[in-house]
Amino acid sequence: MRILVVEDEIGLADAIGAILRKERYETDIANDGQSGLERALKNEYDCIILDIMLPKMNGLDVLSYLRVKEIETPVLLLTAKSEVDDKIKGLDCGADDYLTKPFVTGELLARIRAMTRRKGVTADINPKYGDIVLDLKKGELICGANSVVLGRKEFQMMEMLMSNGEQIITKEDFVSKIWGNTDDSEYNNVEVYISFLRKKLQLLRSKVQIKTRRSIGYCLDGGKK
């Protein structure tokens, strides 16, 4: 799978590129809208990660031009929290999804997988960590010859955990990405679903564990075989 990253913050662009290459995605980077558009018109990509605020040509103009040219490559917009109107405009211009900065690695990868699945790209890679694999199509968690079906929110949480590995995911991250609000009751739900996932890992006899980092969040442990 080949992905184009159009982001003018060089440090962020390089970080996203490193993340994608680690996941075995072929990745190109452009640091302004004009060069990003030129790359998108010249090359065939499976996904484009496009920042809205760009020099030379903003992301919404790049997106609009691509759609006028009937280029239907899935586009993930990167936005700031204050850019509510731009999110709406971006979706109206033909964006497939948007991601608010700052974001966690797991959500970025999950959004890319979701977009490319909808567009029929077949190069999806099931997330793996230690002795477990998450089957994206069947919604199953697999360990060796054993498997267990995950509920929708269990699946979303496990996908975030597996995509981030030992990187800590806070309760706030889970709540905002999965439940979409910050109601106190949802924080309790995070603990409940973590408990469900731990029981399913035990059922699979996996060596992987979900560790609690007190007052911070959760991460996986046991990735080394």
C-alpha atoms as a PDB file:
ATOM      1  CA  MET A   1       0.000   0.000   0.000  1.00  0.00           C
ATOM      2  CA  ARG A   2       1.280   3.468  -0.907  1.00  0.00           C
ATOM      3  CA  ILE A   3       0.390   6.547   1.155  1.00  0.00           C
ATOM      4  CA  LEU A   4       1.011  10.256   0.598  1.00  0.00           C
ATOM      5  CA  VAL A   5       1.490  12.499   3.643  1.00  0.00           C
ATOM      6  CA  VAL A   6       0.994  16.247   3.021  1.00  0.00           C
ATOM      7  CA  GLU A   7       2.010  18.085   6.200  1.00  0.00           C
ATOM      8  CA  ASP A   8       4.025  21.291   6.599  1.00  0.00           C
ATOM      9  CA  GLU A   9       5.197  20.578  10.159  1.00  0.00           C
ATOM     10  CA  ILE A  10       8.349  18.719   9.183  1.00  0.00           C
ATOM     11  CA  GLY A  11       8.765  16.971  12.531  1.00  0.00           C
ATOM     12  CA  LEU A  12       5.185  15.688  12.471  1.00  0.00           C
ATOM     13  CA  ALA A  13       5.414  14.675   8.820  1.00  0.00           C
ATOM     14  CA  ASP A  14       8.588  12.698   9.486  1.00  0.00           C
ATOM     15  CA  ALA A  15       7.028  11.066  12.548  1.00  0.00           C
ATOM     16  CA  ILE A  16       3.958   9.987  10.584  1.00  0.00           C
ATOM     17  CA  GLY A  17       6.212   8.696   7.817  1.00  0.00           C
ATOM     18  CA  ALA A  18       8.216   6.624  10.316  1.00  0.00           C
ATOM     19  CA  ILE A  19       5.020   5.169  11.805  1.00  0.00           C
ATOM     20  CA  LEU A  20       3.660   4.188   8.400  1.00  0.00           C
ATOM     21  CA  ARG A  21       6.917   2.677   7.180  1.00  0.00           C
ATOM     22  CA  LYS A  22       7.124   0.621  10.361  1.00  0.00           C
ATOM     23  CA  GLU A  23       3.721  -0.789   9.380  1.00  0.00           C
ATOM     24  CA  ARG A  24       5.170  -1.620   5.951  1.00  0.00           C
ATOM     25  CA  TYR A  25       3.354   1.136   4.061  1.00  0.00           C
ATOM     26  CA  GLU A  26       5.282   2.757   1.227  1.00  0.00           C
ATOM     27  CA  THR A  27       5.198   6.452   2.123  1.00  0.00           C
ATOM     28  CA  ASP A  28       5.852   9.734   0.299  1.00  0.00           C
ATOM     29  CA  ILE A  29       5.951  13.124   2.050  1.00  0.00           C
ATOM     30  CA  ALA A  30       5.203  16.630   0.798  1.00  0.00           C
ATOM     31  CA  ASN A  31       5.545  19.728   2.980  1.00  0.00           C
ATOM     32  CA  ASP A  32       3.261  22.149   1.121  1.00  0.00           C
ATOM     33  CA  GLY A  33      -0.055  21.976  -0.701  1.00  0.00           C
ATOM     34  CA  GLN A  34       1.284  22.615  -4.174  1.00  0.00           C
ATOM     35  CA  SER A  35       3.890  19.851  -4.102  1.00  0.00           C
ATOM     36  CA  GLY A  36       1.365  17.551  -2.446  1.00  0.00           C
ATOM     37  CA  LEU A  37      -1.105  18.138  -5.252  1.00  0.00           C
ATOM     38  CA  GLU A  38       1.568  17.529  -7.860  1.00  0.00           C
ATOM     39  CA  ARG A  39       2.486  14.207  -6.258  1.00  0.00           C
ATOM     40  CA  ALA A  40      -1.160  13.173  -5.961  1.00  0.00           C
ATOM     41  CA  LEU A  41      -1.786  13.946  -9.646  1.00  0.00           C
ATOM     42  CA  LYS A  42       1.395  12.247 -10.831  1.00  0.00           C
ATOM     43  CA  ASN A  43       1.351   9.072  -8.710  1.00  0.00           C
ATOM     44  CA  GLU A  44      -1.247   6.514  -7.716  1.00  0.00           C
ATOM     45  CA  TYR A  45      -1.850   6.319  -3.948  1.00  0.00           C
ATOM     46  CA  ASP A  46      -4.073   4.120  -1.811  1.00  0.00           C
ATOM     47  CA  CYS A  47      -4.548   6.858   0.791  1.00  0.00           C
ATOM     48  CA  ILE A  48      -3.669  10.537   1.285  1.00  0.00           C
ATOM     49  CA  ILE A  49      -3.135  12.119   4.710  1.00  0.00           C
ATOM     50  CA  LEU A  50      -3.744  15.820   4.162  1.00  0.00           C
ATOM     51  CA  ASP A  51      -3.297  18.705   6.598  1.00  0.00           C
ATOM     52  CA  ILE A  52      -5.736  21.591   6.144  1.00  0.00           C
ATOM     53  CA  MET A  53      -3.397  24.472   6.993  1.00  0.00           C
ATOM     54  CA  LEU A  54      -0.656  24.324   4.360  1.00  0.00           C
ATOM     55  CA  PRO A  55       1.608  26.881   2.639  1.00  0.00           C
ATOM     56  CA  LYS A  56       1.261  27.658  -1.094  1.00  0.00           C
ATOM     57  CA  MET A  57      -2.115  25.877  -1.334  1.00  0.00           C
ATOM     58  CA  ASN A  58      -4.370  24.898   1.552  1.00  0.00           C
ATOM     59  CA  GLY A  59      -5.573  21.360   2.061  1.00  0.00           C
ATOM     60  CA  LEU A  60      -9.219  22.057   1.191  1.00  0.00           C
ATOM     61  CA  ASP A  61      -8.202  23.502  -2.175  1.00  0.00           C
ATOM     62  CA  VAL A  62      -5.962  20.486  -2.811  1.00  0.00           C
ATOM     63  CA  LEU A  63      -8.830  18.138  -1.947  1.00  0.00           C
ATOM     64  CA  SER A  64     -11.346  20.009  -4.111  1.00  0.00           C
ATOM     65  CA  TYR A  65      -8.989  19.961  -7.107  1.00  0.00           C
ATOM     66  CA  LEU A  66      -8.413  16.214  -6.734  1.00  0.00           C
ATOM     67  CA  ARG A  67     -12.144  15.513  -6.679  1.00  0.00           C
ATOM     68  CA  VAL A  68     -12.733  17.768  -9.703  1.00  0.00           C
ATOM     69  CA  LYS A  69     -10.105  15.673 -11.513  1.00  0.00           C
ATOM     70  CA  GLU A  70     -12.093  12.574 -10.455  1.00  0.00           C
ATOM     71  CA  ILE A  71      -9.283  11.239  -8.285  1.00  0.00           C
ATOM     72  CA  GLU A  72     -11.158   9.187  -5.686  1.00  0.00           C
ATOM     73  CA  THR A  73      -8.199   8.234  -3.476  1.00  0.00           C
ATOM     74  CA  PRO A  74      -9.332   8.091   0.193  1.00  0.00           C
ATOM     75  CA  VAL A  75      -8.325  11.309   1.996  1.00  0.00           C
ATOM     76  CA  LEU A  76      -7.818  11.676   5.744  1.00  0.00           C
ATOM     77  CA  LEU A  77      -7.798  15.328   6.811  1.00  0.00           C
ATOM     78  CA  LEU A  78      -5.648  16.485   9.729  1.00  0.00           C
ATOM     79  CA  THR A  79      -7.314  19.306  11.666  1.00  0.00           C
ATOM     80  CA  ALA A  80      -6.838  21.341  14.825  1.00  0.00           C
ATOM     81  CA  LYS A  81      -9.478  21.192  17.569  1.00  0.00           C
ATOM     82  CA  SER A  82     -10.681  24.712  16.757  1.00  0.00           C
ATOM     83  CA  GLU A  83     -11.268  23.997  13.063  1.00  0.00           C
ATOM     84  CA  VAL A  84     -14.868  22.751  13.322  1.00  0.00           C
ATOM     85  CA  ASP A  85     -15.994  24.611  10.189  1.00  0.00           C
ATOM     86  CA  ASP A  86     -13.009  23.257   8.245  1.00  0.00           C
ATOM     87  CA  LYS A  87     -13.961  19.695   9.218  1.00  0.00           C
ATOM     88  CA  ILE A  88     -17.429  20.231   7.792  1.00  0.00           C
ATOM     89  CA  LYS A  89     -16.065  21.885   4.648  1.00  0.00           C
ATOM     90  CA  GLY A  90     -13.553  19.079   4.237  1.00  0.00           C
ATOM     91  CA  LEU A  91     -16.202  16.374   4.374  1.00  0.00           C
ATOM     92  CA  ASP A  92     -18.345  18.377   1.956  1.00  0.00           C
ATOM     93  CA  CYS A  93     -15.357  18.663  -0.409  1.00  0.00           C
ATOM     94  CA  GLY A  94     -14.973  14.888  -0.504  1.00  0.00           C
ATOM     95  CA  ALA A  95     -12.783  13.922   2.459  1.00  0.00           C
ATOM     96  CA  ASP A  96     -13.378  10.385   3.692  1.00  0.00           C
ATOM     97  CA  ASP A  97     -12.529  11.100   7.326  1.00  0.00           C
ATOM     98  CA  TYR A  98     -10.713  13.553   9.585  1.00  0.00           C
ATOM     99  CA  LEU A  99      -8.370  13.264  12.544  1.00  0.00           C
ATOM    100  CA  THR A 100      -7.897  15.964  15.161  1.00  0.00           C
ATOM    101  CA  LYS A 101      -4.369  16.856  16.255  1.00  0.00           C
ATOM    102  CA  PRO A 102      -2.822  15.724  18.507  1.00  0.00           C
ATOM    103  CA  PHE A 103      -3.708  12.071  17.919  1.00  0.00           C
ATOM    104  CA  VAL A 104      -2.470   8.675  19.060  1.00  0.00           C
ATOM    105  CA  THR A 105      -0.706   6.319  16.684  1.00  0.00           C
ATOM    106  CA  GLY A 106      -3.357   3.643  17.010  1.00  0.00           C
ATOM    107  CA  GLU A 107      -6.151   5.893  15.860  1.00  0.00           C
ATOM    108  CA  LEU A 108      -4.204   7.074  12.824  1.00  0.00           C
ATOM    109  CA  LEU A 109      -3.595   3.492  11.715  1.00  0.00           C
ATOM    110  CA  ALA A 110      -7.178   2.480  12.470  1.00  0.00           C
ATOM    111  CA  ARG A 111      -8.577   5.359  10.390  1.00  0.00           C
ATOM    112  CA  ILE A 112      -6.323   4.407   7.470  1.00  0.00           C
ATOM    113  CA  ARG A 113      -7.439   0.777   7.642  1.00  0.00           C
ATOM    114  CA  ALA A 114     -11.099   1.784   7.830  1.00  0.00           C
ATOM    115  CA  MET A 115     -10.860   4.113   4.833  1.00  0.00           C
ATOM    116  CA  THR A 116      -8.991   1.684   2.637  1.00  0.00           C
ATOM    117  CA  ARG A 117     -11.389  -1.135   3.538  1.00  0.00           C
ATOM    118  CA  ARG A 118     -14.307   1.011   2.394  1.00  0.00           C
ATOM    119  CA  LYS A 119     -12.536   1.706  -0.899  1.00  0.00           C
ATOM    120  CA  GLY A 120     -11.741  -1.960  -1.450  1.00  0.00           C
ATOM    121  CA  VAL A 121      -7.976  -1.787  -0.979  1.00  0.00           C
ATOM    122  CA  THR A 122      -6.782  -5.304  -0.215  1.00  0.00           C
ATOM    123  CA  ALA A 123      -3.422  -4.551   1.363  1.00  0.00           C
ATOM    124  CA  ASP A 124      -4.755  -4.360   4.921  1.00  0.00           C
ATOM    125  CA  ILE A 125      -2.513  -5.847   7.542  1.00  0.00           C
ATOM    126  CA  ASN A 126      -4.129  -7.404  10.601  1.00  0.00           C
ATOM    127  CA  PRO A 127      -2.596  -5.852  13.750  1.00  0.00           C
ATOM    128  CA  LYS A 128      -0.241  -8.196  15.603  1.00  0.00           C
ATOM    129  CA  TYR A 129       1.305  -8.005  19.041  1.00  0.00           C
ATOM    130  CA  GLY A 130       3.207 -10.804  20.734  1.00  0.00           C
ATOM    131  CA  ASP A 131       1.247 -14.021  20.222  1.00  0.00           C
ATOM    132  CA  ILE A 132      -2.083 -12.375  19.302  1.00  0.00           C
ATOM    133  CA  VAL A 133      -3.573 -11.213  15.998  1.00  0.00           C
ATOM    134  CA  LEU A 134      -6.670  -9.067  15.470  1.00  0.00           C
ATOM    135  CA  ASP A 135      -8.688 -10.215  12.463  1.00  0.00           C
ATOM    136  CA  LEU A 136     -10.106  -6.965  11.064  1.00  0.00           C
ATOM    137  CA  LYS A 137     -12.710  -8.590   8.847  1.00  0.00           C
ATOM    138  CA  LYS A 138     -14.067 -11.183  11.287  1.00  0.00           C
ATOM    139  CA  GLY A 139     -13.720  -9.056  14.424  1.00  0.00           C
ATOM    140  CA  GLU A 140     -11.879 -11.873  16.165  1.00  0.00           C
ATOM    141  CA  LEU A 141      -8.883 -11.938  18.484  1.00  0.00           C
ATOM    142  CA  ILE A 142      -6.645 -14.886  17.662  1.00  0.00           C
ATOM    143  CA  CYS A 143      -3.908 -16.655  19.604  1.00  0.00           C
ATOM    144  CA  GLY A 144      -2.487 -19.746  17.928  1.00  0.00           C
ATOM    145  CA  ALA A 145      -5.357 -22.125  17.179  1.00  0.00           C
ATOM    146  CA  ASN A 146      -7.715 -20.299  19.543  1.00  0.00           C
ATOM    147  CA  SER A 147      -9.967 -17.362  18.687  1.00  0.00           C
ATOM    148  CA  VAL A 148     -12.678 -15.304  20.332  1.00  0.00           C
ATOM    149  CA  VAL A 149     -15.176 -12.842  18.873  1.00  0.00           C
ATOM    150  CA  LEU A 150     -14.967  -9.286  20.236  1.00  0.00           C
ATOM    151  CA  GLY A 151     -17.837  -6.900  20.729  1.00  0.00           C
ATOM    152  CA  ARG A 152     -17.721  -3.608  18.837  1.00  0.00           C
ATOM    153  CA  LYS A 153     -16.187  -1.516  21.605  1.00  0.00           C
ATOM    154  CA  GLU A 154     -13.915  -4.371  22.698  1.00  0.00           C
ATOM    155  CA  PHE A 155     -12.666  -4.544  19.117  1.00  0.00           C
ATOM    156  CA  GLN A 156     -12.056  -0.790  18.922  1.00  0.00           C
ATOM    157  CA  MET A 157     -10.176  -0.739  22.225  1.00  0.00           C
ATOM    158  CA  MET A 158      -8.058  -3.761  21.343  1.00  0.00           C
ATOM    159  CA  GLU A 159      -7.221  -2.256  17.959  1.00  0.00           C
ATOM    160  CA  MET A 160      -5.989   0.904  19.686  1.00  0.00           C
ATOM    161  CA  LEU A 161      -3.991  -1.102  22.220  1.00  0.00           C
ATOM    162  CA  MET A 162      -2.381  -3.388  19.637  1.00  0.00           C
ATOM    163  CA  SER A 163      -1.510  -0.535  17.299  1.00  0.00           C
ATOM    164  CA  ASN A 164       0.244   1.289  20.149  1.00  0.00           C
ATOM    165  CA  GLY A 165       1.889  -1.680  21.898  1.00  0.00           C
ATOM    166  CA  GLU A 166       3.780  -0.491  24.966  1.00  0.00           C
ATOM    167  CA  GLN A 167       2.693   3.107  24.387  1.00  0.00           C
ATOM    168  CA  ILE A 168       0.232   4.189  27.073  1.00  0.00           C
ATOM    169  CA  ILE A 169      -3.328   5.047  26.037  1.00  0.00           C
ATOM    170  CA  THR A 170      -5.164   7.241  28.527  1.00  0.00           C
ATOM    171  CA  LYS A 171      -8.778   6.847  29.573  1.00  0.00           C
ATOM    172  CA  GLU A 172      -9.419  10.189  27.914  1.00  0.00           C
ATOM    173  CA  ASP A 173      -8.131   8.801  24.606  1.00  0.00           C
ATOM    174  CA  PHE A 174     -10.436   5.780  24.824  1.00  0.00           C
ATOM    175  CA  VAL A 175     -13.463   7.866  25.773  1.00  0.00           C
ATOM    176  CA  SER A 176     -12.990  10.535  23.107  1.00  0.00           C
ATOM    177  CA  LYS A 177     -12.182   8.101  20.297  1.00  0.00           C
ATOM    178  CA  ILE A 178     -14.745   5.391  21.074  1.00  0.00           C
ATOM    179  CA  TRP A 179     -17.583   6.987  23.047  1.00  0.00           C
ATOM    180  CA  GLY A 180     -17.151  10.481  21.682  1.00  0.00           C
ATOM    181  CA  ASN A 181     -17.777  12.400  24.893  1.00  0.00           C
ATOM    182  CA  THR A 182     -16.288  12.931  28.343  1.00  0.00           C
ATOM    183  CA  ASP A 183     -19.182  11.943  30.574  1.00  0.00           C
ATOM    184  CA  ASP A 184     -17.958  10.499  33.879  1.00  0.00           C
ATOM    185  CA  SER A 185     -19.930   7.296  33.320  1.00  0.00           C
ATOM    186  CA  GLU A 186     -17.911   6.588  30.186  1.00  0.00           C
ATOM    187  CA  TYR A 187     -14.687   6.600  32.196  1.00  0.00           C
ATOM    188  CA  ASN A 188     -16.140   3.749  34.250  1.00  0.00           C
ATOM    189  CA  ASN A 189     -17.004   1.936  31.013  1.00  0.00           C
ATOM    190  CA  VAL A 190     -13.340   1.959  30.021  1.00  0.00           C
ATOM    191  CA  GLU A 191     -12.470  -0.063  33.117  1.00  0.00           C
ATOM    192  CA  VAL A 192     -15.335  -2.460  32.445  1.00  0.00           C
ATOM    193  CA  TYR A 193     -14.267  -3.148  28.861  1.00  0.00           C
ATOM    194  CA  ILE A 194     -10.619  -3.491  29.877  1.00  0.00           C
ATOM    195  CA  SER A 195     -11.777  -6.185  32.289  1.00  0.00           C
ATOM    196  CA  PHE A 196     -13.665  -7.936  29.470  1.00  0.00           C
ATOM    197  CA  LEU A 197     -10.565  -7.882  27.255  1.00  0.00           C
ATOM    198  CA  ARG A 198      -8.342  -9.249  30.026  1.00  0.00           C
ATOM    199  CA  LYS A 199     -10.700 -12.182  30.500  1.00  0.00           C
ATOM    200  CA  LYS A 200     -10.651 -12.916  26.776  1.00  0.00           C
ATOM    201  CA  LEU A 201      -6.860 -12.843  26.709  1.00  0.00           C
ATOM    202  CA  GLN A 202      -6.870 -15.350  29.557  1.00  0.00           C
ATOM    203  CA  LEU A 203      -9.407 -17.483  27.672  1.00  0.00           C
ATOM    204  CA  LEU A 204      -7.057 -17.521  24.680  1.00  0.00           C
ATOM    205  CA  ARG A 205      -4.134 -18.432  26.981  1.00  0.00           C
ATOM    206  CA  SER A 206      -2.165 -15.542  25.544  1.00  0.00           C
ATOM    207  CA  LYS A 207       1.039 -14.281  27.111  1.00  0.00           C
ATOM    208  CA  VAL A 208      -0.053 -10.727  26.338  1.00  0.00           C
ATOM    209  CA  GLN A 209      -1.395  -8.688  29.236  1.00  0.00           C
ATOM    210  CA  ILE A 210      -3.109  -5.323  29.525  1.00  0.00           C
ATOM    211  CA  LYS A 211      -1.168  -3.348  32.091  1.00  0.00           C
ATOM    212  CA  THR A 212      -2.625  -0.501  34.136  1.00  0.00           C
ATOM    213  CA  ARG A 213      -0.401   2.535  34.519  1.00  0.00           C
ATOM    214  CA  ARG A 214      -1.958   4.063  37.621  1.00  0.00           C
ATOM    215  CA  SER A 215      -3.501   7.498  37.061  1.00  0.00           C
ATOM    216  CA  ILE A 216      -2.295   7.438  33.445  1.00  0.00           C
ATOM    217  CA  GLY A 217      -3.885   4.704  31.343  1.00  0.00           C
ATOM    218  CA  TYR A 218      -3.302   1.291  29.813  1.00  0.00           C
ATOM    219  CA  CYS A 219      -0.804  -0.469  27.565  1.00  0.00           C
ATOM    220  CA  LEU A 220       0.070  -3.952  26.383  1.00  0.00           C
ATOM    221  CA  ASP A 221       2.891  -6.072  27.764  1.00  0.00           C
ATOM    222  CA  GLY A 222       4.251  -9.439  26.701  1.00  0.00           C
ATOM    223  CA  GLY A 223       5.064  -8.649  23.101  1.00  0.00           C
ATOM    224  CA  LYS A 224       8.397 -10.461  23.225  1.00  0.00           C
ATOM    225  CA  LYS A 225       8.060 -14.159  22.560  1.00  0.00           C
END
